[in-house]
PDB file of N, CA and C in Angstrom:
ATOM      1  N   ALA A   1      17.641   0.607  32.388  1.00  0.00           N
ATOM      2  CA  ALA A   1      16.451  -0.573  31.955  1.00  0.00           C
ATOM      3  C   ALA A   1      15.430  -0.291  31.196  1.00  0.00           C
ATOM      4  N   GLU A   2      14.893   0.705  31.649  1.00  0.00           N
ATOM      5  CA  GLU A   2      13.839   1.201  31.036  1.00  0.00           C
ATOM      6  C   GLU A   2      13.992   1.389  29.555  1.00  0.00           C
ATOM      7  N   ARG A   3      15.044   2.240  29.608  1.00  0.00           N
ATOM      8  CA  ARG A   3      15.340   2.025  27.245  1.00  0.00           C
ATOM      9  C   ARG A   3      15.458   0.456  27.135  1.00  0.00           C
ATOM     10  N   THR A   4      16.267  -0.168  27.529  1.00  0.00           N
ATOM     11  CA  THR A   4      16.282  -1.909  26.853  1.00  0.00           C
ATOM     12  C   THR A   4      14.743  -2.000  26.860  1.00  0.00           C
ATOM     13  N   ALA A   5      13.772  -2.316  27.961  1.00  0.00           N
ATOM     14  CA  ALA A   5      12.415  -2.218  27.817  1.00  0.00           C
ATOM     15  C   ALA A   5      11.554  -1.869  26.362  1.00  0.00           C
ATOM     16  N   THR A   6      11.656  -0.165  26.619  1.00  0.00           N
ATOM     17  CA  THR A   6      11.478   0.537  24.978  1.00  0.00           C
ATOM     18  C   THR A   6      11.989  -0.079  24.144  1.00  0.00           C
ATOM     19  N   ALA A   7      13.003  -0.353  24.018  1.00  0.00           N
ATOM     20  CA  ALA A   7      13.950  -0.866  22.918  1.00  0.00           C
ATOM     21  C   ALA A   7      13.408  -2.315  22.451  1.00  0.00           C
ATOM     22  N   ARG A   8      13.005  -3.103  22.988  1.00  0.00           N
ATOM     23  CA  ARG A   8      12.584  -4.604  22.954  1.00  0.00           C
ATOM     24  C   ARG A   8      11.420  -4.410  22.532  1.00  0.00           C
ATOM     25  N   THR A   9      10.360  -3.587  22.975  1.00  0.00           N
ATOM     26  CA  THR A   9       9.112  -3.331  22.484  1.00  0.00           C
ATOM     27  C   THR A   9       9.177  -2.638  21.126  1.00  0.00           C
ATOM     28  N   HIS A  10      10.063  -1.734  20.943  1.00  0.00           N
ATOM     29  CA  HIS A  10      10.003  -1.381  19.786  1.00  0.00           C
ATOM     30  C   HIS A  10      10.569  -2.164  18.473  1.00  0.00           C
ATOM     31  N   SER A  11      11.402  -2.604  18.990  1.00  0.00           N
ATOM     32  CA  SER A  11      11.557  -3.884  18.007  1.00  0.00           C
ATOM     33  C   SER A  11      10.384  -5.213  18.288  1.00  0.00           C
ATOM     34  N   ARG A  12       9.808  -5.564  18.894  1.00  0.00           N
ATOM     35  CA  ARG A  12       9.088  -6.533  18.521  1.00  0.00           C
ATOM     36  C   ARG A  12       7.779  -5.804  17.522  1.00  0.00           C
ATOM     37  N   TYR A  13       7.925  -4.181  17.775  1.00  0.00           N
ATOM     38  CA  TYR A  13       6.539  -3.405  17.060  1.00  0.00           C
ATOM     39  C   TYR A  13       6.774  -3.923  15.613  1.00  0.00           C
ATOM     40  N   ARG A  14       8.355  -3.563  15.938  1.00  0.00           N
ATOM     41  CA  ARG A  14       9.138  -4.014  14.477  1.00  0.00           C
ATOM     42  C   ARG A  14       8.617  -5.028  13.301  1.00  0.00           C
ATOM     43  N   LEU A  15       9.160  -6.225  14.043  1.00  0.00           N
ATOM     44  CA  LEU A  15       9.658  -7.212  13.461  1.00  0.00           C
ATOM     45  C   LEU A  15       7.599  -7.833  13.249  1.00  0.00           C
ATOM     46  N   LEU A  16       6.488  -7.168  14.168  1.00  0.00           N
ATOM     47  CA  LEU A  16       5.265  -7.601  13.495  1.00  0.00           C
ATOM     48  C   LEU A  16       4.642  -6.709  12.384  1.00  0.00           C
ATOM     49  N   ARG A  17       4.373  -5.940  12.422  1.00  0.00           N
ATOM     50  CA  ARG A  17       4.610  -4.926  11.353  1.00  0.00           C
ATOM     51  C   ARG A  17       5.584  -5.719  10.286  1.00  0.00           C
ATOM     52  N   ASP A  18       6.825  -5.655  10.069  1.00  0.00           N
ATOM     53  CA  ASP A  18       7.295  -6.385   8.748  1.00  0.00           C
ATOM     54  C   ASP A  18       6.833  -7.336   7.938  1.00  0.00           C
ATOM     55  N   ARG A  19       6.278  -8.544   9.550  1.00  0.00           N
ATOM     56  CA  ARG A  19       6.063  -9.719   8.907  1.00  0.00           C
ATOM     57  C   ARG A  19       3.858  -9.525   8.059  1.00  0.00           C
ATOM     58  N   PHE A  20       3.433  -8.856   8.894  1.00  0.00           N
ATOM     59  CA  PHE A  20       1.822  -8.111   9.055  1.00  0.00           C
ATOM     60  C   PHE A  20       1.871  -7.697   7.213  1.00  0.00           C
ATOM     61  N   PHE A  21       3.208  -6.888   6.598  1.00  0.00           N
ATOM     62  CA  PHE A  21       3.384  -6.256   5.386  1.00  0.00           C
ATOM     63  C   PHE A  21       3.958  -6.891   4.522  1.00  0.00           C
ATOM     64  N   PHE A  22       4.573  -7.954   5.073  1.00  0.00           N
ATOM     65  CA  PHE A  22       5.139  -9.681   4.150  1.00  0.00           C
ATOM     66  C   PHE A  22       3.816 -10.013   3.386  1.00  0.00           C
ATOM     67  N   VAL A  23       2.966 -10.130   4.563  1.00  0.00           N
ATOM     68  CA  VAL A  23       1.706 -11.084   4.099  1.00  0.00           C
ATOM     69  C   VAL A  23       0.493 -10.162   3.121  1.00  0.00           C
ATOM     70  N   LEU A  24       0.747  -9.271   3.626  1.00  0.00           N
ATOM     71  CA  LEU A  24       0.074  -8.249   2.387  1.00  0.00           C
ATOM     72  C   LEU A  24       0.467  -8.501   1.222  1.00  0.00           C
ATOM     73  N   GLY A  25       1.744  -8.250   1.506  1.00  0.00           N
ATOM     74  CA  GLY A  25       2.381  -7.747   0.383  1.00  0.00           C
ATOM     75  C   GLY A  25       2.123  -9.471  -1.100  1.00  0.00           C
ATOM     76  N   VAL A  26       2.229 -10.456  -0.138  1.00  0.00           N
ATOM     77  CA  VAL A  26       2.302 -11.919  -0.889  1.00  0.00           C
ATOM     78  C   VAL A  26       0.668 -11.769  -0.852  1.00  0.00           C
ATOM     79  N   PHE A  27      -0.130 -11.482  -0.161  1.00  0.00           N
ATOM     80  CA  PHE A  27      -1.560 -11.519  -0.789  1.00  0.00           C
ATOM     81  C   PHE A  27      -1.983 -10.469  -2.109  1.00  0.00           C
ATOM     82  N   ASN A  28      -1.360  -9.534  -1.537  1.00  0.00           N
ATOM     83  CA  ASN A  28      -1.112  -8.340  -2.698  1.00  0.00           C
ATOM     84  C   ASN A  28      -1.326  -9.093  -4.513  1.00  0.00           C
ATOM     85  N   LEU A  29       0.029 -10.240  -4.157  1.00  0.00           N
ATOM     86  CA  LEU A  29       0.579 -10.437  -5.211  1.00  0.00           C
ATOM     87  C   LEU A  29      -0.457 -11.681  -6.042  1.00  0.00           C
ATOM     88  N   CYS A  30      -0.989 -12.455  -4.884  1.00  0.00           N
ATOM     89  CA  CYS A  30      -1.794 -13.598  -5.536  1.00  0.00           C
ATOM     90  C   CYS A  30      -2.614 -12.819  -5.961  1.00  0.00           C
ATOM     91  N   VAL A  31      -3.413 -12.267  -5.276  1.00  0.00           N
ATOM     92  CA  VAL A  31      -4.814 -11.698  -5.674  1.00  0.00           C
ATOM     93  C   VAL A  31      -4.802 -10.738  -7.165  1.00  0.00           C
ATOM     94  N   LEU A  32      -3.190 -10.527  -7.000  1.00  0.00           N
ATOM     95  CA  LEU A  32      -3.019  -9.675  -9.115  1.00  0.00           C
ATOM     96  C   LEU A  32      -3.100 -11.024  -9.744  1.00  0.00           C
ATOM     97  N   VAL A  33      -2.147 -11.839  -9.096  1.00  0.00           N
ATOM     98  CA  VAL A  33      -2.599 -12.826 -10.380  1.00  0.00           C
ATOM     99  C   VAL A  33      -3.690 -13.550 -10.623  1.00  0.00           C
ATOM    100  N   ILE A  34      -4.681 -13.757  -9.520  1.00  0.00           N
ATOM    101  CA  ILE A  34      -5.670 -14.502 -10.135  1.00  0.00           C
ATOM    102  C   ILE A  34      -6.826 -13.295 -11.214  1.00  0.00           C
ATOM    103  N   CYS A  35      -6.793 -12.384 -10.582  1.00  0.00           N
ATOM    104  CA  CYS A  35      -7.197 -11.231 -11.477  1.00  0.00           C
ATOM    105  C   CYS A  35      -6.757 -10.807 -12.740  1.00  0.00           C
ATOM    106  N   SER A  36      -5.476 -11.610 -13.121  1.00  0.00           N
ATOM    107  CA  SER A  36      -5.066 -11.602 -14.140  1.00  0.00           C
ATOM    108  C   SER A  36      -4.828 -12.313 -14.751  1.00  0.00           C
ATOM    109  N   PHE A  37      -4.871 -13.994 -14.531  1.00  0.00           N
ATOM    110  CA  PHE A  37      -5.024 -15.192 -15.159  1.00  0.00           C
ATOM    111  C   PHE A  37      -6.319 -15.895 -15.462  1.00  0.00           C
ATOM    112  N   GLU A  38      -7.626 -15.939 -14.255  1.00  0.00           N
ATOM    113  CA  GLU A  38      -8.469 -16.591 -14.081  1.00  0.00           C
ATOM    114  C   GLU A  38     -10.045 -15.180 -14.864  1.00  0.00           C
ATOM    115  N   PRO A  39     -10.237 -16.721 -15.914  1.00  0.00           N
ATOM    116  CA  PRO A  39     -11.347 -15.920 -16.727  1.00  0.00           C
ATOM    117  C   PRO A  39     -12.450 -15.462 -16.035  1.00  0.00           C
ATOM    118  N   LEU A  40     -12.721 -16.068 -15.019  1.00  0.00           N
ATOM    119  CA  LEU A  40     -13.956 -15.824 -13.745  1.00  0.00           C
ATOM    120  C   LEU A  40     -13.692 -14.251 -13.233  1.00  0.00           C
ATOM    121  N   ALA A  41     -12.576 -13.847 -12.648  1.00  0.00           N
ATOM    122  CA  ALA A  41     -11.946 -12.596 -12.701  1.00  0.00           C
ATOM    123  C   ALA A  41     -11.113 -11.600 -12.843  1.00  0.00           C
ATOM    124  N   ARG A  42     -11.151 -11.681 -14.007  1.00  0.00           N
ATOM    125  CA  ARG A  42     -10.432 -10.398 -14.559  1.00  0.00           C
ATOM    126  C   ARG A  42     -11.522  -9.227 -14.718  1.00  0.00           C
ATOM    127  N   GLY A  43     -12.310  -9.030 -14.778  1.00  0.00           N
ATOM    128  CA  GLY A  43     -13.420  -8.048 -14.283  1.00  0.00           C
ATOM    129  C   GLY A  43     -13.164  -7.480 -12.881  1.00  0.00           C
ATOM    130  N   LEU A  44     -12.328  -8.244 -12.324  1.00  0.00           N
ATOM    131  CA  LEU A  44     -11.975  -7.763 -10.767  1.00  0.00           C
ATOM    132  C   LEU A  44     -10.996  -6.282 -10.571  1.00  0.00           C
ATOM    133  N   LEU A  45      -9.809  -6.898 -12.057  1.00  0.00           N
ATOM    134  CA  LEU A  45      -8.474  -6.173 -11.796  1.00  0.00           C
ATOM    135  C   LEU A  45      -9.425  -4.519 -11.516  1.00  0.00           C
ATOM    136  N   PRO A  46      -9.616  -3.944 -12.035  1.00  0.00           N
ATOM    137  CA  PRO A  46     -10.368  -2.788 -12.514  1.00  0.00           C
ATOM    138  C   PRO A  46     -10.466  -2.077 -11.051  1.00  0.00           C
ATOM    139  N   TYR A  47     -11.255  -3.529 -10.223  1.00  0.00           N
ATOM    140  CA  TYR A  47     -12.301  -2.352  -8.893  1.00  0.00           C
ATOM    141  C   TYR A  47     -10.997  -3.096  -7.785  1.00  0.00           C
ATOM    142  N   TYR A  48     -10.335  -3.699  -8.104  1.00  0.00           N
ATOM    143  CA  TYR A  48      -9.231  -3.977  -6.752  1.00  0.00           C
ATOM    144  C   TYR A  48      -8.084  -3.182  -6.797  1.00  0.00           C
ATOM    145  N   TYR A  49      -8.117  -2.339  -8.341  1.00  0.00           N
ATOM    146  CA  TYR A  49      -6.357  -1.250  -8.526  1.00  0.00           C
ATOM    147  C   TYR A  49      -7.072  -0.034  -8.093  1.00  0.00           C
ATOM    148  N   THR A  50      -8.848  -0.011  -8.303  1.00  0.00           N
ATOM    149  CA  THR A  50      -8.835   1.414  -7.747  1.00  0.00           C
ATOM    150  C   THR A  50      -9.225   1.517  -6.370  1.00  0.00           C
ATOM    151  N   LEU A  51      -9.635   0.316  -5.428  1.00  0.00           N
ATOM    152  CA  LEU A  51      -9.589   0.525  -4.348  1.00  0.00           C
ATOM    153  C   LEU A  51      -8.223   0.283  -3.688  1.00  0.00           C
ATOM    154  N   LYS A  52      -7.605  -0.352  -4.492  1.00  0.00           N
ATOM    155  CA  LYS A  52      -5.987   0.083  -3.298  1.00  0.00           C
ATOM    156  C   LYS A  52      -5.168   1.326  -3.871  1.00  0.00           C
ATOM    157  N   TYR A  53      -5.549   1.801  -5.084  1.00  0.00           N
ATOM    158  CA  TYR A  53      -5.160   2.915  -5.309  1.00  0.00           C
ATOM    159  C   TYR A  53      -5.838   4.010  -3.404  1.00  0.00           C
ATOM    160  N   PHE A  54      -6.816   3.606  -3.871  1.00  0.00           N
ATOM    161  CA  PHE A  54      -7.656   4.734  -2.815  1.00  0.00           C
ATOM    162  C   PHE A  54      -6.959   4.615  -1.565  1.00  0.00           C
ATOM    163  N   VAL A  55      -7.203   3.384  -1.328  1.00  0.00           N
ATOM    164  CA  VAL A  55      -6.139   3.218  -0.309  1.00  0.00           C
ATOM    165  C   VAL A  55      -5.498   3.913   0.645  1.00  0.00           C
ATOM    166  N   LEU A  56      -4.299   3.109  -0.454  1.00  0.00           N
ATOM    167  CA  LEU A  56      -2.989   4.001  -0.395  1.00  0.00           C
ATOM    168  C   LEU A  56      -2.890   5.343  -0.528  1.00  0.00           C
ATOM    169  N   LEU A  57      -3.151   5.852  -1.183  1.00  0.00           N
ATOM    170  CA  LEU A  57      -3.189   7.391  -1.764  1.00  0.00           C
ATOM    171  C   LEU A  57      -3.206   7.888  -0.230  1.00  0.00           C
ATOM    172  N   ALA A  58      -4.536   7.756   0.674  1.00  0.00           N
ATOM    173  CA  ALA A  58      -5.153   8.414   1.530  1.00  0.00           C
ATOM    174  C   ALA A  58      -4.316   8.015   2.480  1.00  0.00           C
ATOM    175  N   HIS A  59      -3.519   6.639   2.942  1.00  0.00           N
ATOM    176  CA  HIS A  59      -2.282   6.480   3.793  1.00  0.00           C
ATOM    177  C   HIS A  59      -1.096   7.022   3.619  1.00  0.00           C
ATOM    178  N   ARG A  60      -0.934   7.826   2.482  1.00  0.00           N
ATOM    179  CA  ARG A  60       0.401   8.061   1.656  1.00  0.00           C
ATOM    180  C   ARG A  60       0.523   9.741   2.445  1.00  0.00           C
ATOM    181  N   PHE A  61      -0.682  10.145   1.722  1.00  0.00           N
ATOM    182  CA  PHE A  61      -1.445  11.753   2.325  1.00  0.00           C
ATOM    183  C   PHE A  61      -1.172  11.581   3.669  1.00  0.00           C
ATOM    184  N   VAL A  62      -1.379  11.507   4.806  1.00  0.00           N
ATOM    185  CA  VAL A  62      -2.124  11.231   6.256  1.00  0.00           C
ATOM    186  C   VAL A  62      -0.042  11.482   6.584  1.00  0.00           C
ATOM    187  N   THR A  63       0.287  10.048   6.222  1.00  0.00           N
ATOM    188  CA  THR A  63       1.405  10.241   6.444  1.00  0.00           C
ATOM    189  C   THR A  63       2.620  11.038   5.925  1.00  0.00           C
ATOM    190  N   TYR A  64       2.178  11.442   5.275  1.00  0.00           N
ATOM    191  CA  TYR A  64       3.401  12.344   3.958  1.00  0.00           C
ATOM    192  C   TYR A  64       3.216  14.010   5.035  1.00  0.00           C
ATOM    193  N   ARG A  65       1.305  14.275   5.193  1.00  0.00           N
ATOM    194  CA  ARG A  65       0.764  15.270   6.134  1.00  0.00           C
ATOM    195  C   ARG A  65       1.543  15.401   7.279  1.00  0.00           C
ATOM    196  N   ARG A  66       0.960  14.751   8.035  1.00  0.00           N
ATOM    197  CA  ARG A  66       1.957  14.347   9.584  1.00  0.00           C
ATOM    198  C   ARG A  66       3.691  14.711   9.723  1.00  0.00           C
ATOM    199  N   GLN A  67       4.375  14.116   8.471  1.00  0.00           N
ATOM    200  CA  GLN A  67       5.800  14.513   8.345  1.00  0.00           C
ATOM    201  C   GLN A  67       6.258  16.189   7.986  1.00  0.00           C
ATOM    202  N   LYS A  68       4.963  17.125   7.514  1.00  0.00           N
ATOM    203  CA  LYS A  68       5.723  18.063   6.944  1.00  0.00           C
ATOM    204  C   LYS A  68       5.619  17.642   4.900  1.00  0.00           C
ATOM    205  N   TYR A  69       5.363  16.393   4.704  1.00  0.00           N
ATOM    206  CA  TYR A  69       5.829  16.174   3.285  1.00  0.00           C
ATOM    207  C   TYR A  69       4.987  16.234   2.309  1.00  0.00           C
ATOM    208  N   HIS A  70       3.887  16.839   2.432  1.00  0.00           N
ATOM    209  CA  HIS A  70       2.742  15.804   1.607  1.00  0.00           C
ATOM    210  C   HIS A  70       3.488  16.457   0.344  1.00  0.00           C
ATOM    211  N   LEU A  71       4.276  18.265  -0.170  1.00  0.00           N
ATOM    212  CA  LEU A  71       4.075  18.622  -1.368  1.00  0.00           C
ATOM    213  C   LEU A  71       4.719  16.983  -2.767  1.00  0.00           C
ATOM    214  N   PHE A  72       5.526  15.844  -1.987  1.00  0.00           N
ATOM    215  CA  PHE A  72       5.909  14.911  -2.626  1.00  0.00           C
ATOM    216  C   PHE A  72       4.854  14.584  -3.268  1.00  0.00           C
ATOM    217  N   LEU A  73       3.365  14.387  -2.983  1.00  0.00           N
ATOM    218  CA  LEU A  73       3.301  13.558  -3.793  1.00  0.00           C
ATOM    219  C   LEU A  73       2.346  14.519  -5.535  1.00  0.00           C
ATOM    220  N   LEU A  74       3.024  15.370  -5.862  1.00  0.00           N
ATOM    221  CA  LEU A  74       3.155  15.696  -6.561  1.00  0.00           C
ATOM    222  C   LEU A  74       4.236  15.233  -7.731  1.00  0.00           C
ATOM    223  N   ASP A  75       4.820  14.473  -7.318  1.00  0.00           N
ATOM    224  CA  ASP A  75       6.206  13.914  -7.762  1.00  0.00           C
ATOM    225  C   ASP A  75       4.641  12.588  -9.058  1.00  0.00           C
ATOM    226  N   PHE A  76       5.759  12.625  -9.969  1.00  0.00           N
ATOM    227  CA  PHE A  76       5.190  12.308 -11.094  1.00  0.00           C
ATOM    228  C   PHE A  76       4.673  10.556 -11.364  1.00  0.00           C
ATOM    229  N   CYS A  77       4.930   9.773 -10.458  1.00  0.00           N
ATOM    230  CA  CYS A  77       4.628   8.737 -10.012  1.00  0.00           C
ATOM    231  C   CYS A  77       3.357   8.590  -9.525  1.00  0.00           C
ATOM    232  N   TYR A  78       2.439   9.470  -9.170  1.00  0.00           N
ATOM    233  CA  TYR A  78       0.942   9.355  -8.487  1.00  0.00           C
ATOM    234  C   TYR A  78       0.380  10.400  -9.161  1.00  0.00           C
ATOM    235  N   TRP A  79       0.925  11.138 -10.387  1.00  0.00           N
ATOM    236  CA  TRP A  79       0.899  11.586 -11.544  1.00  0.00           C
ATOM    237  C   TRP A  79      -0.085  10.267 -12.539  1.00  0.00           C
ATOM    238  N   CYS A  80       1.230   9.728 -12.724  1.00  0.00           N
ATOM    239  CA  CYS A  80       0.766   8.901 -13.476  1.00  0.00           C
ATOM    240  C   CYS A  80       0.214   7.391 -12.953  1.00  0.00           C
ATOM    241  N   ASN A  81      -0.130   7.365 -11.925  1.00  0.00           N
ATOM    242  CA  ASN A  81      -0.705   6.176 -11.459  1.00  0.00           C
ATOM    243  C   ASN A  81      -2.290   6.736 -11.556  1.00  0.00           C
ATOM    244  N   THR A  82      -1.757   8.086 -11.116  1.00  0.00           N
ATOM    245  CA  THR A  82      -3.765   8.215 -11.888  1.00  0.00           C
ATOM    246  C   THR A  82      -4.634   8.694 -13.073  1.00  0.00           C
ATOM    247  N   GLY A  83      -3.256   8.496 -13.911  1.00  0.00           N
ATOM    248  CA  GLY A  83      -3.404   8.797 -15.473  1.00  0.00           C
ATOM    249  C   GLY A  83      -3.932   7.337 -15.651  1.00  0.00           C
ATOM    250  N   VAL A  84      -3.157   6.038 -14.830  1.00  0.00           N
ATOM    251  CA  VAL A  84      -3.518   4.095 -14.961  1.00  0.00           C
ATOM    252  C   VAL A  84      -4.644   4.841 -14.948  1.00  0.00           C
ATOM    253  N   LEU A  85      -5.013   5.220 -13.109  1.00  0.00           N
ATOM    254  CA  LEU A  85      -6.455   5.130 -12.974  1.00  0.00           C
ATOM    255  C   LEU A  85      -7.319   5.558 -13.708  1.00  0.00           C
ATOM    256  N   ALA A  86      -7.440   6.695 -14.144  1.00  0.00           N
ATOM    257  CA  ALA A  86      -8.860   6.563 -15.475  1.00  0.00           C
ATOM    258  C   ALA A  86      -8.587   5.963 -16.812  1.00  0.00           C
ATOM    259  N   VAL A  87      -7.120   5.112 -16.822  1.00  0.00           N
ATOM    260  CA  VAL A  87      -7.485   4.841 -17.940  1.00  0.00           C
ATOM    261  C   VAL A  87      -8.530   3.336 -17.592  1.00  0.00           C
ATOM    262  N   VAL A  88      -8.068   2.824 -16.631  1.00  0.00           N
ATOM    263  CA  VAL A  88      -8.510   1.383 -15.690  1.00  0.00           C
ATOM    264  C   VAL A  88      -9.628   1.415 -15.699  1.00  0.00           C
ATOM    265  N   ALA A  89      -9.887   2.541 -15.048  1.00  0.00           N
ATOM    266  CA  ALA A  89     -11.770   2.380 -14.260  1.00  0.00           C
ATOM    267  C   ALA A  89     -12.634   2.970 -15.654  1.00  0.00           C
TER     268      ALA A  89
END
């Protein structure tokens, strides 16, 4: 019975997490569209990208470090994003 309760709690947490990240993804898409096409907000795109880059990279570093996968941060996609950040910012 305890395993079932734990599995149910884990399932609820996972569902809540999936919903949260879905809403966050839709919000991200809306902000990118507004920053790309709205003339008054075009200047905000580099700031938004920079903020998002550092938040996501810090999260990825902590997550990978905890799992001992931190060498995956040397992958080409991270170098490419850093190059885009250097050009955008």
